[in-house]
Amino acid sequence: MRPLYPAILNADEAVDLKWTKRPENTAFFRHLLKISQDFPSVLMAYAADPVLAQIAGEIGKSLLDLGINVFLPEETTPVCAFSQSISARQVPIGLYLCLNEETGYFNMMALTNHGGPIDENDLSEEEFPRSEKTGVLGTTDYNRVYIKNLIGFADPYIEDGACFKSFLEPFPGIVEELKNRTETAILFAAGTDGYEALVSNDGQGLQLKKPSGQPVATSEMCETIVNYLIKERLASGTIVGPAEHSLAAGQQCEIFPVEGSLYDMNYHAGFSDLLIGWWKNGIIAHQGSSCFGDGFLTAIYYLEALRSLPKS
C-alpha cells in the first residue's frame, strides 16, 4: 500500500498548468482529470506561509480552464481542519498546498473523501479529456467543523496546573473562536513560568520549550499524551510512527512502524485504528481528529496530561 505522493512545483509553475508538465506529477494530474469527469469541483486550502495564498490562487485560476470549479478558503487552514472538512462534505478530492522547507519546493497534496491521502491503487493509466467548459471560482469556510470537533475533544473539567507562557500560532481565525470557549481556555491560561508553544504553518506540528528553555522532544510529548489517553481517557488503538524509533509508552497498543516520509505516516494513520501517529518536529495525529498532525489538539492533550499527574 502506497499513497499518491504530492505534486511538486515552484512559484513559476503555478500558472497555466505548468506544474502538470513535470513527469513526477503526471499520475497526480491524470487522477485530478479522472475525478473531474463526474465531480467537476475541487476544494483547495493552504498553509500559513504568506506566499501560498497567491500560489493557490494561480493554481485555482488555471484549473478553471479545465472546467473545474475551485473553492478556496476564507483564511489559512490547518491541514487537519481541511481533512475534517473534506470528510464531512464527502467530496472526492481536495488539494492542500504547503511549502516543503527541506526542498524549497511547494507540495500540493491530494486528499480524498475519508480526509486522507489517495491510495495509489485507485489511480488509472487511462488518459481523460479536458472539459471544454469554464469553471467558477468561489470561497468557503474549512475551519468551522474543526473548531467544533476540537472543542469536543477538550476536557473542560481538567484540574488547574501546567500552562503556556506563550502560545504562538498562525491561524488567528481559529484562535479567536477558541478564546471565547471555556472548553479550550487551557490554551490561553498563561503563566510566567509556563511552557513556550509554537504551532507550525500547516498546523501539524507543535514545538514546545520547558520553563527551563529545554525543548520537549516529540517522543516525550507522545509518551506523556499516550499515558494520559490510556489511563485517564481509557483510549486504545494503534500507534503509528517512524520505524527507527519506538515509544516507551503504550506497549500494550498495536505498533505500526512506517518507512518513508511524513506523508507515508499520514497515509498509514488514515487506514489504521489510530490512537496517535507521530513524526519528527512535534507532529502528532490523534484519534478522532484526522490522519494529519494536529498541533492545537496536541497542545491541549499535553497540558491536560501534565495536569493529571500526581502533585509532588
Foldseek 3Di string as FASTA:
>chain_A
DDFLFWQWAAQVCLALVNSCPDPSCVQVVQVLLVLCVPPQEEEEAEFLDVCVVVSVVRNQQNSQQLVHAYAYEPHHDALLLQLVQLQVVQAAWYWYWYADPVVRIITIFIAGNNSATHHPVPTDPDGHDGDNGGYHYYYDHSRPVVLVVLLVVADLPFDDDAAAQEAEESGVVSVVVLCVDSRNCRHVPHDNQHKHWYADRNQFAIWIAHSVRHTDWLLNLVQLLLVCCCPPVVDAWEEEEAQVDDHPHDPVHHYHHDPDDPSRQLRVCQVTQDQWYDYGRHGIDHHPRGSGGHRSSSNSSSSSSVSPDDDD
